[in-house]
C-alpha cells in the first residue's frame, strides 16, 4: 500500500500468481522455504543486505 503497487503488479514482479501473492501478503508463509522468501526479498530490494541466524 505504501508504495502504491497493486497485488497483481507485485505478483507479476515476483513471478507468482495473485492467489499466491495474497497468501504471502497475509503471512500464510509456512508452505514456503526460507530460500524462496529470501529470493522474493532480493527481487523487491536488490540493494538490501541481511544476515539470517538460526535460533
C-alpha atoms as a PDB file:
ATOM      1  CA  UNK A   1       0.000   0.000   0.000  1.00  0.00           C
ATOM      2  CA  UNK A   2       2.782   2.394   0.953  1.00  0.00           C
ATOM      3  CA  UNK A   3       4.393   2.069  -2.479  1.00  0.00           C
ATOM      4  CA  UNK A   4       1.052   2.219  -4.306  1.00  0.00           C
ATOM      5  CA  UNK A   5       1.586  -1.060  -6.128  1.00  0.00           C
ATOM      6  CA  UNK A   6      -1.295  -3.417  -6.692  1.00  0.00           C
ATOM      7  CA  UNK A   7      -1.281  -7.039  -5.629  1.00  0.00           C
ATOM      8  CA  UNK A   8      -1.339  -8.005  -9.321  1.00  0.00           C
ATOM      9  CA  UNK A   9       1.675  -5.813 -10.109  1.00  0.00           C
ATOM     10  CA  UNK A  10       3.577  -7.236  -7.156  1.00  0.00           C
ATOM     11  CA  UNK A  11       2.704 -10.788  -8.193  1.00  0.00           C
ATOM     12  CA  UNK A  12       3.924 -10.094 -11.726  1.00  0.00           C
ATOM     13  CA  UNK A  13       7.185  -8.647 -10.405  1.00  0.00           C
ATOM     14  CA  UNK A  14       7.821 -11.751  -8.295  1.00  0.00           C
ATOM     15  CA  UNK A  15       6.634 -14.168 -10.970  1.00  0.00           C
ATOM     16  CA  UNK A  16       3.787 -15.639  -8.926  1.00  0.00           C
ATOM     17  CA  UNK A  17       0.017 -15.712  -9.388  1.00  0.00           C
ATOM     18  CA  UNK A  18      -2.364 -13.490  -7.419  1.00  0.00           C
ATOM     19  CA  UNK A  19      -3.625 -16.199  -5.023  1.00  0.00           C
ATOM     20  CA  UNK A  20      -0.026 -16.999  -4.077  1.00  0.00           C
ATOM     21  CA  UNK A  21       0.727 -13.304  -3.613  1.00  0.00           C
ATOM     22  CA  UNK A  22      -2.314 -12.995  -1.360  1.00  0.00           C
ATOM     23  CA  UNK A  23      -1.065 -15.868   0.815  1.00  0.00           C
ATOM     24  CA  UNK A  24       2.312 -14.183   1.191  1.00  0.00           C
ATOM     25  CA  UNK A  25       0.792 -10.785   1.983  1.00  0.00           C
ATOM     26  CA  UNK A  26      -1.400 -12.357   4.655  1.00  0.00           C
ATOM     27  CA  UNK A  27       1.600 -14.124   6.283  1.00  0.00           C
ATOM     28  CA  UNK A  28       0.475 -17.620   5.278  1.00  0.00           C
ATOM     29  CA  UNK A  29       4.085 -18.496   4.526  1.00  0.00           C
ATOM     30  CA  UNK A  30       4.505 -21.889   6.197  1.00  0.00           C
ATOM     31  CA  UNK A  31       4.491 -23.550   2.766  1.00  0.00           C
ATOM     32  CA  UNK A  32       7.489 -21.505   1.544  1.00  0.00           C
ATOM     33  CA  UNK A  33      11.152 -22.182   2.199  1.00  0.00           C
ATOM     34  CA  UNK A  34      13.413 -19.500   3.614  1.00  0.00           C
ATOM     35  CA  UNK A  35      15.344 -19.587   0.325  1.00  0.00           C
ATOM     36  CA  UNK A  36      12.212 -18.827  -1.641  1.00  0.00           C
ATOM     37  CA  UNK A  37      11.160 -15.959   0.633  1.00  0.00           C
ATOM     38  CA  UNK A  38      14.678 -14.514   0.567  1.00  0.00           C
ATOM     39  CA  UNK A  39      14.574 -14.733  -3.233  1.00  0.00           C
ATOM     40  CA  UNK A  40      11.408 -12.626  -3.245  1.00  0.00           C
ATOM     41  CA  UNK A  41      13.076 -10.128  -0.923  1.00  0.00           C
ATOM     42  CA  UNK A  42      16.075  -9.889  -3.253  1.00  0.00           C
ATOM     43  CA  UNK A  43      13.789  -9.118  -6.202  1.00  0.00           C
ATOM     44  CA  UNK A  44      11.995  -6.365  -4.289  1.00  0.00           C
ATOM     45  CA  UNK A  45      15.052  -4.880  -2.549  1.00  0.00           C
ATOM     46  CA  UNK A  46      18.155  -5.763  -4.615  1.00  0.00           C
ATOM     47  CA  UNK A  47      20.490  -3.422  -2.668  1.00  0.00           C
ATOM     48  CA  UNK A  48      19.435  -4.684   0.753  1.00  0.00           C
ATOM     49  CA  UNK A  49      21.829  -6.829   2.727  1.00  0.00           C
ATOM     50  CA  UNK A  50      20.846  -9.047   5.624  1.00  0.00           C
ATOM     51  CA  UNK A  51      22.016 -11.978   7.700  1.00  0.00           C
ATOM     52  CA  UNK A  52      19.993 -14.961   8.831  1.00  0.00           C
ATOM     53  CA  UNK A  53      20.776 -16.579  12.157  1.00  0.00           C
ATOM     54  CA  UNK A  54      19.474 -19.896  13.400  1.00  0.00           C
ATOM     55  CA  UNK A  55      17.699 -19.707  16.733  1.00  0.00           C
END
